[in-house]
Amino acid sequence: MHNFTYFLMGSPNGDPNSGIINLVFLGGIFLVFYFFIIRPQSQRQKEIQRKVSEMKKGDKVVTSSGIIGILNTIEDDSVLVEVGSNVKIRFLKTAISDVNPNKPEKKDK
């Protein structure tokens, strides 16, 4: 408990600048986390939301569970995705993790 108290108060030697140095160090750690983890993740989330709101029939979609299919029908909060020959699955829009409108579905040879 005493070591933690000293860390917050500064060094026990009475150096007045040690508290400021600790605050600057903690602020630097927060900035690193923000610019390398928090900000890119929020930008990616906004990009996915934009793609989901702009998707249209015929777009290739990927769900959060990894299912890939062609968008067949769009409703208020769900979509109907064709995953095979005459096989359609209904998903919530929130389950869509990527929309690739320009990537054609590969056909088996």
PDB file of N, CA and C in Angstrom:
ATOM      1  N   MET A   1       0.830  -1.193   0.000  1.00  0.00           N
ATOM      2  CA  MET A   1       0.000   0.000   0.000  1.00  0.00           C
ATOM      3  C   MET A   1       0.866   1.246   0.000  1.00  0.00           C
ATOM      4  N   HIS A   2       1.970   1.204   0.729  1.00  0.00           N
ATOM      5  CA  HIS A   2       2.815   2.396   0.807  1.00  0.00           C
ATOM      6  C   HIS A   2       3.516   2.697  -0.510  1.00  0.00           C
ATOM      7  N   ASN A   3       3.905   1.647  -1.262  1.00  0.00           N
ATOM      8  CA  ASN A   3       4.555   1.882  -2.552  1.00  0.00           C
ATOM      9  C   ASN A   3       3.606   2.560  -3.524  1.00  0.00           C
ATOM     10  N   PHE A   4       2.336   2.163  -3.505  1.00  0.00           N
ATOM     11  CA  PHE A   4       1.348   2.774  -4.376  1.00  0.00           C
ATOM     12  C   PHE A   4       1.142   4.238  -3.989  1.00  0.00           C
ATOM     13  N   THR A   5       1.097   4.512  -2.718  1.00  0.00           N
ATOM     14  CA  THR A   5       0.930   5.892  -2.244  1.00  0.00           C
ATOM     15  C   THR A   5       2.116   6.741  -2.675  1.00  0.00           C
ATOM     16  N   TYR A   6       3.315   6.187  -2.577  1.00  0.00           N
ATOM     17  CA  TYR A   6       4.492   6.934  -3.002  1.00  0.00           C
ATOM     18  C   TYR A   6       4.469   7.185  -4.507  1.00  0.00           C
ATOM     19  N   PHE A   7       3.985   6.210  -5.268  1.00  0.00           N
ATOM     20  CA  PHE A   7       3.922   6.387  -6.711  1.00  0.00           C
ATOM     21  C   PHE A   7       3.009   7.554  -7.067  1.00  0.00           C
ATOM     22  N   LEU A   8       1.882   7.666  -6.399  1.00  0.00           N
ATOM     23  CA  LEU A   8       0.966   8.759  -6.694  1.00  0.00           C
ATOM     24  C   LEU A   8       1.469  10.097  -6.170  1.00  0.00           C
ATOM     25  N   MET A   9       2.162  10.068  -5.058  1.00  0.00           N
ATOM     26  CA  MET A   9       2.613  11.314  -4.442  1.00  0.00           C
ATOM     27  C   MET A   9       3.944  11.778  -4.996  1.00  0.00           C
ATOM     28  N   GLY A  10       4.707  10.895  -5.570  1.00  0.00           N
ATOM     29  CA  GLY A  10       6.033  11.236  -6.047  1.00  0.00           C
ATOM     30  C   GLY A  10       7.061  10.455  -5.270  1.00  0.00           C
ATOM     31  N   SER A  11       8.318  10.770  -5.482  1.00  0.00           N
ATOM     32  CA  SER A  11       9.372  10.025  -4.795  1.00  0.00           C
ATOM     33  C   SER A  11       9.443  10.454  -3.336  1.00  0.00           C
ATOM     34  N   PRO A  12       9.844   9.527  -2.463  1.00  0.00           N
ATOM     35  CA  PRO A  12       9.946   9.874  -1.042  1.00  0.00           C
ATOM     36  C   PRO A  12      11.080  10.843  -0.755  1.00  0.00           C
ATOM     37  N   ASN A  13      11.947  11.098  -1.737  1.00  0.00           N
ATOM     38  CA  ASN A  13      13.061  12.028  -1.540  1.00  0.00           C
ATOM     39  C   ASN A  13      12.575  13.471  -1.477  1.00  0.00           C
ATOM     40  N   GLY A  14      11.382  13.707  -1.965  1.00  0.00           N
ATOM     41  CA  GLY A  14      10.853  15.068  -1.964  1.00  0.00           C
ATOM     42  C   GLY A  14      11.115  15.806  -3.260  1.00  0.00           C
ATOM     43  N   ASP A  15      11.435  15.085  -4.338  1.00  0.00           N
ATOM     44  CA  ASP A  15      11.657  15.721  -5.639  1.00  0.00           C
ATOM     45  C   ASP A  15      10.325  16.258  -6.150  1.00  0.00           C
ATOM     46  N   PRO A  16      10.158  17.564  -6.318  1.00  0.00           N
ATOM     47  CA  PRO A  16       8.862  18.127  -6.710  1.00  0.00           C
ATOM     48  C   PRO A  16       8.474  17.833  -8.152  1.00  0.00           C
ATOM     49  N   ASN A  17       9.418  17.467  -8.999  1.00  0.00           N
ATOM     50  CA  ASN A  17       9.115  17.223 -10.410  1.00  0.00           C
ATOM     51  C   ASN A  17       8.684  15.785 -10.696  1.00  0.00           C
ATOM     52  N   SER A  18       8.832  14.888  -9.738  1.00  0.00           N
ATOM     53  CA  SER A  18       8.531  13.484 -10.007  1.00  0.00           C
ATOM     54  C   SER A  18       7.031  13.260 -10.241  1.00  0.00           C
ATOM     55  N   GLY A  19       6.164  13.988  -9.573  1.00  0.00           N
ATOM     56  CA  GLY A  19       4.724  13.858  -9.788  1.00  0.00           C
ATOM     57  C   GLY A  19       4.326  14.291 -11.187  1.00  0.00           C
ATOM     58  N   ILE A  20       4.938  15.343 -11.669  1.00  0.00           N
ATOM     59  CA  ILE A  20       4.659  15.834 -13.024  1.00  0.00           C
ATOM     60  C   ILE A  20       5.157  14.826 -14.055  1.00  0.00           C
ATOM     61  N   ILE A  21       6.318  14.248 -13.801  1.00  0.00           N
ATOM     62  CA  ILE A  21       6.866  13.260 -14.725  1.00  0.00           C
ATOM     63  C   ILE A  21       5.944  12.047 -14.802  1.00  0.00           C
ATOM     64  N   ASN A  22       5.408  11.621 -13.655  1.00  0.00           N
ATOM     65  CA  ASN A  22       4.477  10.498 -13.647  1.00  0.00           C
ATOM     66  C   ASN A  22       3.218  10.819 -14.448  1.00  0.00           C
ATOM     67  N   LEU A  23       2.693  12.022 -14.302  1.00  0.00           N
ATOM     68  CA  LEU A  23       1.498  12.413 -15.054  1.00  0.00           C
ATOM     69  C   LEU A  23       1.774  12.467 -16.556  1.00  0.00           C
ATOM     70  N   VAL A  24       2.930  12.990 -16.939  1.00  0.00           N
ATOM     71  CA  VAL A  24       3.289  13.051 -18.357  1.00  0.00           C
ATOM     72  C   VAL A  24       3.437  11.634 -18.922  1.00  0.00           C
ATOM     73  N   PHE A  25       4.045  10.745 -18.153  1.00  0.00           N
ATOM     74  CA  PHE A  25       4.199   9.351 -18.585  1.00  0.00           C
ATOM     75  C   PHE A  25       2.842   8.689 -18.778  1.00  0.00           C
ATOM     76  N   LEU A  26       1.934   8.844 -17.821  1.00  0.00           N
ATOM     77  CA  LEU A  26       0.599   8.258 -17.939  1.00  0.00           C
ATOM     78  C   LEU A  26      -0.171   8.868 -19.109  1.00  0.00           C
ATOM     79  N   GLY A  27      -0.027  10.171 -19.322  1.00  0.00           N
ATOM     80  CA  GLY A  27      -0.662  10.828 -20.465  1.00  0.00           C
ATOM     81  C   GLY A  27      -0.115  10.302 -21.782  1.00  0.00           C
ATOM     82  N   GLY A  28       1.182  10.050 -21.840  1.00  0.00           N
ATOM     83  CA  GLY A  28       1.795   9.486 -23.047  1.00  0.00           C
ATOM     84  C   GLY A  28       1.276   8.091 -23.343  1.00  0.00           C
ATOM     85  N   ILE A  29       1.119   7.283 -22.300  1.00  0.00           N
ATOM     86  CA  ILE A  29       0.575   5.937 -22.485  1.00  0.00           C
ATOM     87  C   ILE A  29      -0.847   6.013 -23.024  1.00  0.00           C
ATOM     88  N   PHE A  30      -1.654   6.933 -22.477  1.00  0.00           N
ATOM     89  CA  PHE A  30      -3.028   7.088 -22.965  1.00  0.00           C
ATOM     90  C   PHE A  30      -3.040   7.497 -24.438  1.00  0.00           C
ATOM     91  N   LEU A  31      -2.164   8.422 -24.845  1.00  0.00           N
ATOM     92  CA  LEU A  31      -2.114   8.858 -26.247  1.00  0.00           C
ATOM     93  C   LEU A  31      -1.724   7.703 -27.177  1.00  0.00           C
ATOM     94  N   VAL A  32      -0.783   6.884 -26.763  1.00  0.00           N
ATOM     95  CA  VAL A  32      -0.381   5.737 -27.573  1.00  0.00           C
ATOM     96  C   VAL A  32      -1.568   4.787 -27.743  1.00  0.00           C
ATOM     97  N   PHE A  33      -2.267   4.483 -26.641  1.00  0.00           N
ATOM     98  CA  PHE A  33      -3.436   3.608 -26.742  1.00  0.00           C
ATOM     99  C   PHE A  33      -4.498   4.215 -27.642  1.00  0.00           C
ATOM    100  N   TYR A  34      -4.729   5.514 -27.531  1.00  0.00           N
ATOM    101  CA  TYR A  34      -5.766   6.158 -28.332  1.00  0.00           C
ATOM    102  C   TYR A  34      -5.436   6.083 -29.819  1.00  0.00           C
ATOM    103  N   PHE A  35      -4.217   6.468 -30.201  1.00  0.00           N
ATOM    104  CA  PHE A  35      -3.885   6.559 -31.617  1.00  0.00           C
ATOM    105  C   PHE A  35      -3.605   5.207 -32.268  1.00  0.00           C
ATOM    106  N   PHE A  36      -3.211   4.198 -31.488  1.00  0.00           N
ATOM    107  CA  PHE A  36      -2.891   2.907 -32.088  1.00  0.00           C
ATOM    108  C   PHE A  36      -3.964   1.851 -31.887  1.00  0.00           C
ATOM    109  N   ILE A  37      -4.901   2.049 -30.956  1.00  0.00           N
ATOM    110  CA  ILE A  37      -5.913   1.028 -30.692  1.00  0.00           C
ATOM    111  C   ILE A  37      -7.324   1.583 -30.815  1.00  0.00           C
ATOM    112  N   ILE A  38      -7.652   2.605 -30.059  1.00  0.00           N
ATOM    113  CA  ILE A  38      -9.032   3.092 -29.973  1.00  0.00           C
ATOM    114  C   ILE A  38      -9.470   3.772 -31.266  1.00  0.00           C
ATOM    115  N   ARG A  39      -8.702   4.698 -31.771  1.00  0.00           N
ATOM    116  CA  ARG A  39      -9.087   5.477 -32.954  1.00  0.00           C
ATOM    117  C   ARG A  39      -9.222   4.608 -34.208  1.00  0.00           C
ATOM    118  N   PRO A  40      -8.250   3.738 -34.535  1.00  0.00           N
ATOM    119  CA  PRO A  40      -8.431   2.901 -35.729  1.00  0.00           C
ATOM    120  C   PRO A  40      -9.637   1.970 -35.631  1.00  0.00           C
ATOM    121  N   GLN A  41      -9.900   1.444 -34.438  1.00  0.00           N
ATOM    122  CA  GLN A  41     -11.044   0.549 -34.274  1.00  0.00           C
ATOM    123  C   GLN A  41     -12.356   1.297 -34.497  1.00  0.00           C
ATOM    124  N   SER A  42     -12.469   2.517 -33.966  1.00  0.00           N
ATOM    125  CA  SER A  42     -13.711   3.277 -34.147  1.00  0.00           C
ATOM    126  C   SER A  42     -13.881   3.688 -35.614  1.00  0.00           C
ATOM    127  N   GLN A  43     -12.791   3.997 -36.300  1.00  0.00           N
ATOM    128  CA  GLN A  43     -12.891   4.332 -37.723  1.00  0.00           C
ATOM    129  C   GLN A  43     -13.327   3.118 -38.538  1.00  0.00           C
ATOM    130  N   ARG A  44     -12.812   1.946 -38.215  1.00  0.00           N
ATOM    131  CA  ARG A  44     -13.223   0.725 -38.918  1.00  0.00           C
ATOM    132  C   ARG A  44     -14.697   0.440 -38.682  1.00  0.00           C
ATOM    133  N   GLN A  45     -15.162   0.640 -37.445  1.00  0.00           N
ATOM    134  CA  GLN A  45     -16.570   0.408 -37.120  1.00  0.00           C
ATOM    135  C   GLN A  45     -17.473   1.360 -37.901  1.00  0.00           C
ATOM    136  N   LYS A  46     -17.076   2.621 -38.014  1.00  0.00           N
ATOM    137  CA  LYS A  46     -17.858   3.590 -38.786  1.00  0.00           C
ATOM    138  C   LYS A  46     -17.895   3.214 -40.263  1.00  0.00           C
ATOM    139  N   GLU A  47     -16.773   2.704 -40.798  1.00  0.00           N
ATOM    140  CA  GLU A  47     -16.717   2.295 -42.199  1.00  0.00           C
ATOM    141  C   GLU A  47     -17.651   1.110 -42.456  1.00  0.00           C
ATOM    142  N   ILE A  48     -17.687   0.156 -41.537  1.00  0.00           N
ATOM    143  CA  ILE A  48     -18.584  -0.999 -41.685  1.00  0.00           C
ATOM    144  C   ILE A  48     -20.038  -0.538 -41.631  1.00  0.00           C
ATOM    145  N   GLN A  49     -20.369   0.363 -40.710  1.00  0.00           N
ATOM    146  CA  GLN A  49     -21.740   0.871 -40.612  1.00  0.00           C
ATOM    147  C   GLN A  49     -22.139   1.603 -41.889  1.00  0.00           C
ATOM    148  N   ARG A  50     -21.204   2.347 -42.473  1.00  0.00           N
ATOM    149  CA  ARG A  50     -21.497   3.058 -43.721  1.00  0.00           C
ATOM    150  C   ARG A  50     -21.762   2.055 -44.850  1.00  0.00           C
ATOM    151  N   LYS A  51     -20.928   1.018 -44.946  1.00  0.00           N
ATOM    152  CA  LYS A  51     -21.104   0.006 -45.997  1.00  0.00           C
ATOM    153  C   LYS A  51     -22.432  -0.725 -45.835  1.00  0.00           C
ATOM    154  N   VAL A  52     -22.796  -1.057 -44.606  1.00  0.00           N
ATOM    155  CA  VAL A  52     -24.054  -1.772 -44.367  1.00  0.00           C
ATOM    156  C   VAL A  52     -25.238  -0.888 -44.734  1.00  0.00           C
ATOM    157  N   SER A  53     -25.160   0.401 -44.438  1.00  0.00           N
ATOM    158  CA  SER A  53     -26.281   1.283 -44.763  1.00  0.00           C
ATOM    159  C   SER A  53     -26.411   1.517 -46.274  1.00  0.00           C
ATOM    160  N   GLU A  54     -25.315   1.354 -47.026  1.00  0.00           N
ATOM    161  CA  GLU A  54     -25.333   1.595 -48.474  1.00  0.00           C
ATOM    162  C   GLU A  54     -25.443   0.315 -49.303  1.00  0.00           C
ATOM    163  N   MET A  55     -25.541  -0.867 -48.675  1.00  0.00           N
ATOM    164  CA  MET A  55     -25.565  -2.107 -49.443  1.00  0.00           C
ATOM    165  C   MET A  55     -26.857  -2.229 -50.242  1.00  0.00           C
ATOM    166  N   LYS A  56     -26.761  -2.978 -51.329  1.00  0.00           N
ATOM    167  CA  LYS A  56     -27.920  -3.168 -52.199  1.00  0.00           C
ATOM    168  C   LYS A  56     -27.957  -4.619 -52.670  1.00  0.00           C
ATOM    169  N   LYS A  57     -29.054  -4.992 -53.284  1.00  0.00           N
ATOM    170  CA  LYS A  57     -29.248  -6.356 -53.761  1.00  0.00           C
ATOM    171  C   LYS A  57     -28.132  -6.727 -54.741  1.00  0.00           C
ATOM    172  N   GLY A  58     -27.577  -7.919 -54.567  1.00  0.00           N
ATOM    173  CA  GLY A  58     -26.509  -8.392 -55.434  1.00  0.00           C
ATOM    174  C   GLY A  58     -25.119  -8.199 -54.851  1.00  0.00           C
ATOM    175  N   ASP A  59     -24.987  -7.432 -53.757  1.00  0.00           N
ATOM    176  CA  ASP A  59     -23.686  -7.239 -53.132  1.00  0.00           C
ATOM    177  C   ASP A  59     -23.243  -8.514 -52.429  1.00  0.00           C
ATOM    178  N   LYS A  60     -21.948  -8.740 -52.436  1.00  0.00           N
ATOM    179  CA  LYS A  60     -21.380  -9.874 -51.714  1.00  0.00           C
ATOM    180  C   LYS A  60     -21.142  -9.432 -50.274  1.00  0.00           C
ATOM    181  N   VAL A  61     -21.658 -10.199 -49.309  1.00  0.00           N
ATOM    182  CA  VAL A  61     -21.527  -9.835 -47.899  1.00  0.00           C
ATOM    183  C   VAL A  61     -20.845 -10.954 -47.125  1.00  0.00           C
ATOM    184  N   VAL A  62     -20.207 -10.563 -46.038  1.00  0.00           N
ATOM    185  CA  VAL A  62     -19.580 -11.503 -45.114  1.00  0.00           C
ATOM    186  C   VAL A  62     -20.180 -11.238 -43.747  1.00  0.00           C
ATOM    187  N   THR A  63     -20.640 -12.292 -43.071  1.00  0.00           N
ATOM    188  CA  THR A  63     -21.219 -12.133 -41.737  1.00  0.00           C
ATOM    189  C   THR A  63     -20.133 -12.282 -40.682  1.00  0.00           C
ATOM    190  N   SER A  64     -20.477 -11.912 -39.464  1.00  0.00           N
ATOM    191  CA  SER A  64     -19.511 -12.016 -38.371  1.00  0.00           C
ATOM    192  C   SER A  64     -19.161 -13.465 -38.061  1.00  0.00           C
ATOM    193  N   SER A  65     -20.002 -14.404 -38.474  1.00  0.00           N
ATOM    194  CA  SER A  65     -19.696 -15.821 -38.265  1.00  0.00           C
ATOM    195  C   SER A  65     -18.901 -16.414 -39.426  1.00  0.00           C
ATOM    196  N   GLY A  66     -18.615 -15.612 -40.450  1.00  0.00           N
ATOM    197  CA  GLY A  66     -17.782 -16.063 -41.556  1.00  0.00           C
ATOM    198  C   GLY A  66     -18.540 -16.589 -42.752  1.00  0.00           C
ATOM    199  N   ILE A  67     -19.846 -16.454 -42.768  1.00  0.00           N
ATOM    200  CA  ILE A  67     -20.638 -16.930 -43.903  1.00  0.00           C
ATOM    201  C   ILE A  67     -20.588 -15.880 -45.008  1.00  0.00           C
ATOM    202  N   ILE A  68     -20.288 -16.330 -46.219  1.00  0.00           N
ATOM    203  CA  ILE A  68     -20.188 -15.440 -47.380  1.00  0.00           C
ATOM    204  C   ILE A  68     -21.345 -15.750 -48.312  1.00  0.00           C
ATOM    205  N   GLY A  69     -22.003 -14.702 -48.781  1.00  0.00           N
ATOM    206  CA  GLY A  69     -23.119 -14.913 -49.693  1.00  0.00           C
ATOM    207  C   GLY A  69     -23.468 -13.655 -50.453  1.00  0.00           C
ATOM    208  N   ILE A  70     -24.485 -13.784 -51.299  1.00  0.00           N
ATOM    209  CA  ILE A  70     -24.965 -12.678 -52.116  1.00  0.00           C
ATOM    210  C   ILE A  70     -26.253 -12.150 -51.490  1.00  0.00           C
ATOM    211  N   LEU A  71     -26.329 -10.842 -51.344  1.00  0.00           N
ATOM    212  CA  LEU A  71     -27.490 -10.203 -50.740  1.00  0.00           C
ATOM    213  C   LEU A  71     -28.696 -10.333 -51.671  1.00  0.00           C
ATOM    214  N   ASN A  72     -29.791 -10.867 -51.137  1.00  0.00           N
ATOM    215  CA  ASN A  72     -30.981 -11.105 -51.939  1.00  0.00           C
ATOM    216  C   ASN A  72     -32.080 -10.107 -51.616  1.00  0.00           C
ATOM    217  N   THR A  73     -32.386  -9.909 -50.311  1.00  0.00           N
ATOM    218  CA  THR A  73     -33.457  -9.016 -49.895  1.00  0.00           C
ATOM    219  C   THR A  73     -32.997  -8.214 -48.682  1.00  0.00           C
ATOM    220  N   ILE A  74     -33.351  -6.927 -48.676  1.00  0.00           N
ATOM    221  CA  ILE A  74     -33.019  -6.055 -47.545  1.00  0.00           C
ATOM    222  C   ILE A  74     -34.319  -5.606 -46.898  1.00  0.00           C
ATOM    223  N   GLU A  75     -34.420  -5.798 -45.586  1.00  0.00           N
ATOM    224  CA  GLU A  75     -35.572  -5.326 -44.820  1.00  0.00           C
ATOM    225  C   GLU A  75     -35.093  -4.307 -43.795  1.00  0.00           C
ATOM    226  N   ASP A  76     -35.972  -3.898 -42.871  1.00  0.00           N
ATOM    227  CA  ASP A  76     -35.625  -2.864 -41.904  1.00  0.00           C
ATOM    228  C   ASP A  76     -34.390  -3.213 -41.078  1.00  0.00           C
ATOM    229  N   ASP A  77     -34.418  -4.357 -40.404  1.00  0.00           N
ATOM    230  CA  ASP A  77     -33.298  -4.715 -39.539  1.00  0.00           C
ATOM    231  C   ASP A  77     -32.677  -6.062 -39.889  1.00  0.00           C
ATOM    232  N   SER A  78     -33.111  -6.670 -40.994  1.00  0.00           N
ATOM    233  CA  SER A  78     -32.552  -7.962 -41.386  1.00  0.00           C
ATOM    234  C   SER A  78     -32.349  -8.005 -42.892  1.00  0.00           C
ATOM    235  N   VAL A  79     -31.584  -9.007 -43.318  1.00  0.00           N
ATOM    236  CA  VAL A  79     -31.314  -9.218 -44.740  1.00  0.00           C
ATOM    237  C   VAL A  79     -31.448 -10.701 -45.041  1.00  0.00           C
ATOM    238  N   LEU A  80     -31.735 -11.006 -46.287  1.00  0.00           N
ATOM    239  CA  LEU A  80     -31.789 -12.380 -46.748  1.00  0.00           C
ATOM    240  C   LEU A  80     -30.593 -12.584 -47.666  1.00  0.00           C
ATOM    241  N   VAL A  81     -29.721 -13.541 -47.295  1.00  0.00           N
ATOM    242  CA  VAL A  81     -28.475 -13.770 -48.020  1.00  0.00           C
ATOM    243  C   VAL A  81     -28.520 -15.152 -48.660  1.00  0.00           C
ATOM    244  N   GLU A  82     -28.208 -15.209 -49.964  1.00  0.00           N
ATOM    245  CA  GLU A  82     -28.139 -16.487 -50.666  1.00  0.00           C
ATOM    246  C   GLU A  82     -26.722 -17.026 -50.526  1.00  0.00           C
ATOM    247  N   VAL A  83     -26.601 -18.190 -49.883  1.00  0.00           N
ATOM    248  CA  VAL A  83     -25.287 -18.766 -49.619  1.00  0.00           C
ATOM    249  C   VAL A  83     -24.959 -19.944 -50.522  1.00  0.00           C
ATOM    250  N   GLY A  84     -25.919 -20.409 -51.271  1.00  0.00           N
ATOM    251  CA  GLY A  84     -25.710 -21.523 -52.194  1.00  0.00           C
ATOM    252  C   GLY A  84     -26.836 -21.555 -53.201  1.00  0.00           C
ATOM    253  N   SER A  85     -26.887 -22.603 -53.978  1.00  0.00           N
ATOM    254  CA  SER A  85     -27.958 -22.742 -54.958  1.00  0.00           C
ATOM    255  C   SER A  85     -29.289 -22.903 -54.234  1.00  0.00           C
ATOM    256  N   ASN A  86     -30.130 -21.898 -54.332  1.00  0.00           N
ATOM    257  CA  ASN A  86     -31.454 -21.876 -53.692  1.00  0.00           C
ATOM    258  C   ASN A  86     -31.403 -22.065 -52.180  1.00  0.00           C
ATOM    259  N   VAL A  87     -30.301 -21.679 -51.551  1.00  0.00           N
ATOM    260  CA  VAL A  87     -30.179 -21.729 -50.096  1.00  0.00           C
ATOM    261  C   VAL A  87     -30.061 -20.298 -49.603  1.00  0.00           C
ATOM    262  N   LYS A  88     -31.060 -19.852 -48.825  1.00  0.00           N
ATOM    263  CA  LYS A  88     -31.082 -18.475 -48.333  1.00  0.00           C
ATOM    264  C   LYS A  88     -31.170 -18.494 -46.821  1.00  0.00           C
ATOM    265  N   ILE A  89     -30.414 -17.586 -46.199  1.00  0.00           N
ATOM    266  CA  ILE A  89     -30.402 -17.460 -44.740  1.00  0.00           C
ATOM    267  C   ILE A  89     -30.704 -16.016 -44.385  1.00  0.00           C
ATOM    268  N   ARG A  90     -31.532 -15.833 -43.357  1.00  0.00           N
ATOM    269  CA  ARG A  90     -31.853 -14.490 -42.884  1.00  0.00           C
ATOM    270  C   ARG A  90     -30.899 -14.113 -41.752  1.00  0.00           C
ATOM    271  N   PHE A  91     -30.303 -12.914 -41.840  1.00  0.00           N
ATOM    272  CA  PHE A  91     -29.391 -12.390 -40.833  1.00  0.00           C
ATOM    273  C   PHE A  91     -29.845 -11.010 -40.388  1.00  0.00           C
ATOM    274  N   LEU A  92     -29.493 -10.653 -39.176  1.00  0.00           N
ATOM    275  CA  LEU A  92     -29.660  -9.267 -38.746  1.00  0.00           C
ATOM    276  C   LEU A  92     -28.592  -8.427 -39.429  1.00  0.00           C
ATOM    277  N   LYS A  93     -28.897  -7.178 -39.686  1.00  0.00           N
ATOM    278  CA  LYS A  93     -27.909  -6.300 -40.315  1.00  0.00           C
ATOM    279  C   LYS A  93     -26.675  -6.144 -39.435  1.00  0.00           C
ATOM    280  N   THR A  94     -26.854  -6.230 -38.127  1.00  0.00           N
ATOM    281  CA  THR A  94     -25.715  -6.084 -37.219  1.00  0.00           C
ATOM    282  C   THR A  94     -24.737  -7.251 -37.328  1.00  0.00           C
ATOM    283  N   ALA A  95     -25.158  -8.375 -37.928  1.00  0.00           N
ATOM    284  CA  ALA A  95     -24.279  -9.536 -38.087  1.00  0.00           C
ATOM    285  C   ALA A  95     -23.381  -9.418 -39.312  1.00  0.00           C
ATOM    286  N   ILE A  96     -23.591  -8.414 -40.144  1.00  0.00           N
ATOM    287  CA  ILE A  96     -22.782  -8.258 -41.356  1.00  0.00           C
ATOM    288  C   ILE A  96     -21.502  -7.523 -40.986  1.00  0.00           C
ATOM    289  N   SER A  97     -20.369  -8.153 -41.307  1.00  0.00           N
ATOM    290  CA  SER A  97     -19.084  -7.558 -40.943  1.00  0.00           C
ATOM    291  C   SER A  97     -18.349  -6.943 -42.129  1.00  0.00           C
ATOM    292  N   ASP A  98     -18.774  -7.244 -43.369  1.00  0.00           N
ATOM    293  CA  ASP A  98     -18.138  -6.635 -44.534  1.00  0.00           C
ATOM    294  C   ASP A  98     -19.071  -6.720 -45.732  1.00  0.00           C
ATOM    295  N   VAL A  99     -18.990  -5.709 -46.580  1.00  0.00           N
ATOM    296  CA  VAL A  99     -19.769  -5.661 -47.816  1.00  0.00           C
ATOM    297  C   VAL A  99     -18.784  -5.401 -48.947  1.00  0.00           C
ATOM    298  N   ASN A 100     -18.781  -6.286 -49.944  1.00  0.00           N
ATOM    299  CA  ASN A 100     -17.871  -6.164 -51.086  1.00  0.00           C
ATOM    300  C   ASN A 100     -18.691  -6.097 -52.367  1.00  0.00           C
ATOM    301  N   PRO A 101     -19.138  -4.917 -52.754  1.00  0.00           N
ATOM    302  CA  PRO A 101     -20.033  -4.836 -53.909  1.00  0.00           C
ATOM    303  C   PRO A 101     -19.373  -5.185 -55.231  1.00  0.00           C
ATOM    304  N   ASN A 102     -18.059  -5.037 -55.360  1.00  0.00           N
ATOM    305  CA  ASN A 102     -17.410  -5.236 -56.658  1.00  0.00           C
ATOM    306  C   ASN A 102     -16.733  -6.585 -56.798  1.00  0.00           C
ATOM    307  N   LYS A 103     -16.839  -7.453 -55.807  1.00  0.00           N
ATOM    308  CA  LYS A 103     -16.192  -8.764 -55.883  1.00  0.00           C
ATOM    309  C   LYS A 103     -17.219  -9.810 -56.309  1.00  0.00           C
ATOM    310  N   PRO A 104     -17.090 -10.327 -57.514  1.00  0.00           N
ATOM    311  CA  PRO A 104     -18.047 -11.340 -57.969  1.00  0.00           C
ATOM    312  C   PRO A 104     -17.848 -12.649 -57.236  1.00  0.00           C
ATOM    313  N   GLU A 105     -18.924 -13.399 -57.088  1.00  0.00           N
ATOM    314  CA  GLU A 105     -18.882 -14.718 -56.448  1.00  0.00           C
ATOM    315  C   GLU A 105     -18.150 -15.672 -57.387  1.00  0.00           C
ATOM    316  N   LYS A 106     -17.174 -16.419 -56.845  1.00  0.00           N
ATOM    317  CA  LYS A 106     -16.437 -17.387 -57.652  1.00  0.00           C
ATOM    318  C   LYS A 106     -17.292 -18.641 -57.839  1.00  0.00           C
ATOM    319  N   LYS A 107     -17.361 -19.103 -59.046  1.00  0.00           N
ATOM    320  CA  LYS A 107     -18.126 -20.306 -59.372  1.00  0.00           C
ATOM    321  C   LYS A 107     -17.190 -21.505 -59.344  1.00  0.00           C
ATOM    322  N   ASP A 108     -17.709 -22.643 -58.864  1.00  0.00           N
ATOM    323  CA  ASP A 108     -16.929 -23.870 -58.863  1.00  0.00           C
ATOM    324  C   ASP A 108     -16.772 -24.370 -60.302  1.00  0.00           C
ATOM    325  N   LYS A 109     -15.597 -24.892 -60.613  1.00  0.00           N
ATOM    326  CA  LYS A 109     -15.319 -25.383 -61.979  1.00  0.00           C
ATOM    327  C   LYS A 109     -15.750 -26.806 -62.148  1.00  0.00           C
TER     328      LYS A 109
END
